[in-house]
Protein backbone atom coordinates (compact mmCIF):
# COMPACT_ATOMS: atom_id res chain seq x y z
CA MET A 1 -89.13 3.38 -68.60
CA LYS A 2 -85.95 4.87 -67.26
CA THR A 3 -88.03 6.80 -64.49
CA MET A 4 -89.53 3.45 -63.38
CA THR A 5 -86.05 1.81 -63.38
CA LYS A 6 -84.78 4.60 -61.20
CA ILE A 7 -87.66 4.22 -58.75
CA VAL A 8 -87.13 0.44 -58.43
CA VAL A 9 -83.38 0.73 -57.93
CA GLY A 10 -84.02 3.51 -55.38
CA ALA A 11 -86.53 1.36 -53.52
CA ILE A 12 -84.11 -1.61 -53.56
CA ALA A 13 -81.28 0.55 -52.26
CA ALA A 14 -83.58 2.13 -49.49
CA LEU A 15 -84.54 -1.44 -48.33
CA VAL A 16 -80.91 -2.63 -48.24
CA LEU A 17 -79.68 0.38 -46.36
CA MET A 18 -82.56 0.84 -44.12
CA PRO A 19 -81.61 -1.57 -41.39
CA ASN A 20 -78.30 0.14 -40.85
CA MET A 21 -79.81 3.54 -40.97
CA ALA A 22 -82.52 2.55 -38.42
CA ARG A 23 -80.03 0.76 -36.08
CA ALA A 24 -79.56 2.49 -32.74
CA GLU A 25 -77.28 1.88 -29.78
CA ILE A 26 -78.50 0.01 -26.72
CA LEU A 27 -76.60 1.54 -23.80
CA ALA A 28 -76.93 0.76 -20.14
CA MET A 29 -75.63 2.84 -17.19
CA MET A 30 -74.68 1.29 -13.92
CA ASN A 31 -73.09 2.67 -10.92
CA TYR A 32 -69.99 0.84 -9.39
CA GLU A 33 -67.68 1.04 -6.48
CA SER A 34 -64.34 -0.33 -5.53
CA LYS A 35 -64.04 -2.10 -2.20
CA THR A 36 -62.42 -0.16 0.74
CA GLU A 37 -58.97 -1.40 1.99
CA ASP A 38 -60.89 -2.84 5.16
CA SER A 39 -63.29 -4.82 3.12
CA LEU A 40 -60.57 -6.19 0.90
CA LYS A 41 -58.82 -7.28 4.11
CA ALA A 42 -62.06 -9.04 5.29
CA LEU A 43 -62.17 -10.83 2.02
CA GLN A 44 -58.55 -11.73 2.36
CA ILE A 45 -57.71 -10.14 -1.05
CA GLN A 46 -53.84 -9.23 -0.97
CA GLY A 47 -52.48 -6.44 -3.03
CA ALA A 48 -51.37 -2.82 -2.87
CA ALA A 49 -53.64 -0.33 -1.30
CA ARG A 50 -55.89 1.34 -3.73
CA GLU A 51 -57.82 4.48 -3.64
CA ARG A 52 -61.58 4.11 -3.31
CA ARG A 53 -63.44 4.81 -6.69
CA GLU A 54 -67.09 5.21 -7.61
CA GLY A 55 -68.56 5.93 -10.91
CA ILE A 56 -71.13 5.33 -13.43
CA ALA A 57 -70.16 3.08 -16.25
CA VAL A 58 -71.92 3.29 -19.72
CA MET A 59 -71.94 -0.01 -21.49
CA ASP A 60 -73.15 -1.20 -24.99
CA ILE A 61 -75.42 -4.16 -24.48
CA ASP A 62 -76.54 -4.57 -28.03
CA PRO A 63 -75.68 -8.19 -28.78
CA SER A 64 -75.24 -7.36 -32.47
CA SER A 65 -72.93 -4.44 -31.82
CA ASP A 66 -69.08 -4.65 -32.33
CA ASN A 67 -68.68 -2.89 -28.86
CA PHE A 68 -71.12 -5.52 -27.10
CA GLY A 69 -70.11 -5.73 -23.48
CA LYS A 70 -67.54 -2.83 -23.58
CA ILE A 71 -67.54 0.22 -21.37
CA LEU A 72 -67.83 3.24 -23.68
CA MET A 73 -67.84 5.80 -20.92
CA ASP A 74 -66.79 6.25 -17.29
CA ILE A 75 -68.27 9.06 -15.24
CA PRO A 76 -66.48 9.53 -12.00
CA LEU A 77 -68.24 10.07 -8.86
CA PRO A 78 -66.80 11.43 -5.61
CA PRO A 79 -65.39 8.49 -3.69
CA ASP A 80 -67.21 9.25 -0.33
CA LEU A 81 -70.74 9.42 -2.09
CA VAL A 82 -71.67 5.77 -1.86
CA ALA A 83 -73.92 5.82 -4.77
CA HIS A 84 -76.95 3.57 -4.31
CA HIS A 85 -79.66 3.41 -6.97
CA MET A 86 -80.45 5.02 -10.14
CA PHE A 87 -83.91 5.80 -11.27
CA TYR A 88 -85.18 7.18 -14.53
CA ASN A 89 -88.24 9.66 -14.50
CA ARG A 90 -91.17 8.67 -16.48
CA ASP A 91 -90.06 10.03 -19.96
CA ALA A 92 -86.47 8.85 -19.39
CA SER A 93 -85.21 12.51 -19.79
CA LYS A 94 -83.46 12.33 -16.41
CA ILE A 95 -81.69 9.93 -14.04
CA TYR A 96 -81.90 10.47 -10.20
CA MET A 97 -79.23 8.70 -8.45
CA THR A 98 -79.63 8.21 -4.50
CA SER A 99 -76.60 8.20 -2.12
CA LEU A 100 -76.24 6.40 1.23
CA ALA A 101 -73.56 8.74 2.41
CA GLN A 102 -74.23 12.23 1.36
CA PRO A 103 -77.53 14.35 1.49
CA VAL A 104 -77.27 14.90 -2.19
CA LEU A 105 -79.33 13.43 -5.03
CA GLN A 106 -77.36 13.37 -8.28
CA VAL A 107 -79.49 14.38 -11.26
CA ILE A 108 -78.41 13.73 -14.91
CA ASP A 109 -80.09 15.49 -17.83
CA MET A 110 -80.21 12.74 -20.44
CA LYS A 111 -81.21 15.17 -23.17
CA LYS A 112 -77.83 17.10 -22.88
CA PHE A 113 -74.64 15.17 -24.00
CA PRO A 114 -71.96 14.97 -22.66
CA TRP A 115 -73.97 13.84 -19.52
CA ARG A 116 -73.16 15.76 -16.35
CA LEU A 117 -74.14 15.26 -12.82
CA LYS A 118 -76.14 18.12 -11.25
CA PRO A 119 -76.10 17.87 -7.32
CA LEU A 120 -79.45 18.51 -5.69
CA GLU A 121 -78.90 19.01 -2.01
CA THR A 122 -81.32 17.35 0.42
CA PRO A 123 -80.24 18.57 3.89
CA GLY A 124 -81.32 16.48 6.65
CA CYS A 125 -81.98 13.32 4.39
CA VAL A 126 -79.80 10.52 5.63
CA MET A 127 -79.36 7.33 3.60
CA GLN A 128 -81.32 8.16 0.36
CA GLU A 129 -82.99 5.12 -0.87
CA ASP A 130 -86.00 5.02 -3.40
CA VAL A 131 -87.38 7.69 -5.86
CA ILE A 132 -90.61 7.66 -7.52
CA PHE A 133 -92.42 10.23 -9.90
CA SER A 134 -95.80 11.46 -10.13
CA GLU A 135 -98.11 10.42 -13.13
CA ASP A 136 -97.55 13.80 -14.55
CA ASN A 137 -93.73 13.56 -14.12
CA LYS A 138 -93.67 16.90 -12.37
CA THR A 139 -92.94 15.79 -8.74
CA TRP A 140 -90.46 13.27 -7.29
CA TYR A 141 -90.64 11.56 -3.90
CA LEU A 142 -87.38 10.45 -2.02
CA THR A 143 -87.24 7.93 0.77
CA CYS A 144 -84.60 8.79 3.50
CA MET A 145 -84.05 5.66 5.67
CA GLY A 146 -81.41 7.11 8.22
CA SER A 147 -83.49 9.96 8.98
CA ASP A 148 -87.26 8.71 8.81
CA ASN A 149 -88.45 11.14 6.42
CA ILE A 150 -89.69 11.54 2.87
CA PHE A 151 -88.60 14.49 0.64
CA ILE A 152 -90.84 15.78 -2.13
CA GLY A 153 -89.43 17.75 -5.04
CA ASP A 154 -90.30 19.71 -8.12
CA ALA A 155 -88.93 17.36 -11.02
CA VAL A 156 -89.02 20.11 -13.45
CA ASN A 157 -86.78 22.71 -11.76
CA ASP A 158 -85.11 19.89 -9.50
CA THR A 159 -85.65 21.67 -6.24
CA VAL A 160 -86.92 20.17 -2.79
CA THR A 161 -90.49 21.50 -2.03
CA LYS A 162 -91.47 19.76 1.12
CA THR A 163 -90.25 17.20 3.89
CA ILE A 164 -92.54 14.87 5.53
CA ASP A 165 -91.44 13.34 8.97
CA MET A 166 -92.45 9.57 9.21
CA PRO A 167 -94.00 8.28 12.32
CA ASP A 168 -92.05 4.83 11.94
CA PRO A 169 -88.21 4.43 11.16
CA TYR A 170 -86.71 3.36 7.98
CA PRO A 171 -88.98 4.50 5.01
CA HIS A 172 -87.68 2.30 2.24
CA GLY A 173 -89.79 1.62 -0.93
CA ILE A 174 -92.62 4.02 -2.02
CA ALA A 175 -95.64 3.79 -4.22
CA ILE A 176 -98.26 6.36 -5.26
CA ALA A 177 -101.72 5.72 -5.19
CA THR A 178 -103.49 7.85 -7.74
CA SER A 179 -107.03 6.58 -6.99
CA THR A 180 -109.27 7.61 -4.06
CA ALA A 181 -110.36 4.10 -3.66
CA CYS A 182 -109.30 2.19 -0.54
CA TRP A 183 -107.87 -1.22 -0.50
């Protein structure tokens, strides 16, 4: 009987404690930038001149968390990067962040904490816009609006493998058709 009592008490304790043990954080990453002095003047915002800042804010977005809505981490970026979009690869193990001002794709390995930016040079890519990933998550495609080309890269080693010059200007969004059927 004592064994049965221990099992029942253990099961009840497990049921009571399990929701707390199974709880996970819900975090969001977003890039931000401060306004330039010229844009503050155009908006007629008065105040002391501030240095331009860019960064990635990591925020808790779990409504049941004590830290809900709080910025938990600030990852600074170079102030001349003009970070644009952030794209997770297919298994969410990496983030690729485009830039409107630098020919550098920033890569974050989400499996390694603390998160660090790894710059991936894309020489000749002006105004990086969108990144998409192949079905097998081994290749990425980056559109470059200002230079009218698309960069193709190895998503495992994060290296550029090919550049495609576009016949028309401003490649923007991109999709991959995996079927041989025509529309």
